[in-house]
Amino acid sequence: MPRASFVLLIAIAVFFGTATSNQVCGPNAEYTTCGSACQPTCSNPDPHQICTLQCVIGCQCKEGFLSNGAGQCVSPQNC
């Protein structure tokens, strides 16, 4: 019985991993399963606040880009 439970758990993990890896993100963004809850934004480009250690799943701006508050990742010059 424990072996069947383990196999079922692995199958579920593979299914959800495959389903979420096909997420399409906008320009200058990438999909992550464990991103930061404190992303740099145009209004706060260098967040030094204490941030939670939770994983945020979804599209986040690539390194060097900032969230402009409208769901787009832009270069700092375009904020």
Protein backbone atom coordinates (compact mmCIF):
# COMPACT_ATOMS: atom_id res chain seq x y z
CA MET A 1 0.00 0.00 0.00
CA PRO A 2 2.74 2.57 0.80
CA ARG A 3 4.31 1.93 -2.62
CA ALA A 4 1.00 2.66 -4.39
CA SER A 5 0.62 5.90 -2.43
CA PHE A 6 4.15 6.94 -3.39
CA VAL A 7 3.53 6.21 -7.09
CA LEU A 8 0.27 8.17 -6.98
CA LEU A 9 2.02 11.13 -5.33
CA ILE A 10 4.74 11.14 -8.00
CA ALA A 11 2.13 10.96 -10.79
CA ILE A 12 0.25 13.94 -9.35
CA ALA A 13 3.48 15.95 -9.00
CA VAL A 14 4.46 15.22 -12.62
CA PHE A 15 0.98 16.16 -13.86
CA PHE A 16 0.96 19.51 -12.05
CA GLY A 17 4.56 20.21 -13.03
CA THR A 18 3.74 19.65 -16.70
CA ALA A 19 0.51 21.66 -16.54
CA THR A 20 2.17 24.72 -15.00
CA SER A 21 5.38 24.66 -17.05
CA ASN A 22 3.45 25.69 -20.18
CA GLN A 23 2.52 29.08 -18.67
CA VAL A 24 3.10 31.89 -21.17
CA CYS A 25 4.44 35.15 -19.78
CA GLY A 26 4.75 38.56 -21.37
CA PRO A 27 7.93 40.17 -22.69
CA ASN A 28 10.76 40.44 -20.15
CA ALA A 29 8.96 38.07 -17.77
CA GLU A 30 9.40 34.41 -16.91
CA TYR A 31 7.31 31.78 -15.17
CA THR A 32 8.51 30.66 -11.76
CA THR A 33 7.19 28.19 -9.24
CA CYS A 34 8.95 29.90 -6.33
CA GLY A 35 9.44 33.61 -6.97
CA SER A 36 9.75 36.45 -4.51
CA ALA A 37 6.75 38.13 -2.92
CA CYS A 38 8.72 41.41 -2.99
CA GLN A 39 9.50 42.04 -6.64
CA PRO A 40 11.20 45.28 -7.64
CA THR A 41 8.72 47.76 -9.14
CA CYS A 42 8.93 51.15 -10.80
CA SER A 43 7.72 52.77 -7.58
CA ASN A 44 10.10 50.68 -5.41
CA PRO A 45 13.01 49.52 -7.60
CA ASP A 46 15.21 48.37 -4.71
CA PRO A 47 13.00 46.82 -2.03
CA HIS A 48 15.06 46.35 1.12
CA GLN A 49 12.09 45.65 3.34
CA ILE A 50 11.70 42.42 5.22
CA CYS A 51 9.98 40.06 2.82
CA THR A 52 8.03 36.90 3.52
CA LEU A 53 9.72 33.64 2.61
CA GLN A 54 6.68 32.31 0.76
CA CYS A 55 6.99 31.09 -2.80
CA VAL A 56 4.94 33.03 -5.34
CA ILE A 57 3.89 31.01 -8.38
CA GLY A 58 3.44 32.80 -11.69
CA CYS A 59 5.08 35.25 -14.07
CA GLN A 60 7.69 37.59 -12.65
CA CYS A 61 9.99 40.12 -14.24
CA LYS A 62 13.36 38.88 -15.43
CA GLU A 63 16.53 40.19 -13.78
CA GLY A 64 17.05 43.87 -14.64
CA PHE A 65 13.37 44.62 -15.34
CA LEU A 66 10.75 46.22 -13.11
CA SER A 67 7.01 45.75 -12.80
CA ASN A 68 5.25 48.93 -13.92
CA GLY A 69 2.03 48.24 -12.02
CA ALA A 70 0.09 47.46 -15.21
CA GLY A 71 1.29 43.87 -15.46
CA GLN A 72 4.25 44.69 -17.71
CA CYS A 73 7.96 44.27 -17.09
CA VAL A 74 9.92 47.26 -18.33
CA SER A 75 13.48 48.51 -18.15
CA PRO A 76 14.14 51.08 -15.42
CA GLN A 77 14.48 53.77 -18.12
CA ASN A 78 10.88 53.12 -19.24
CA CYS A 79 9.25 53.45 -15.82
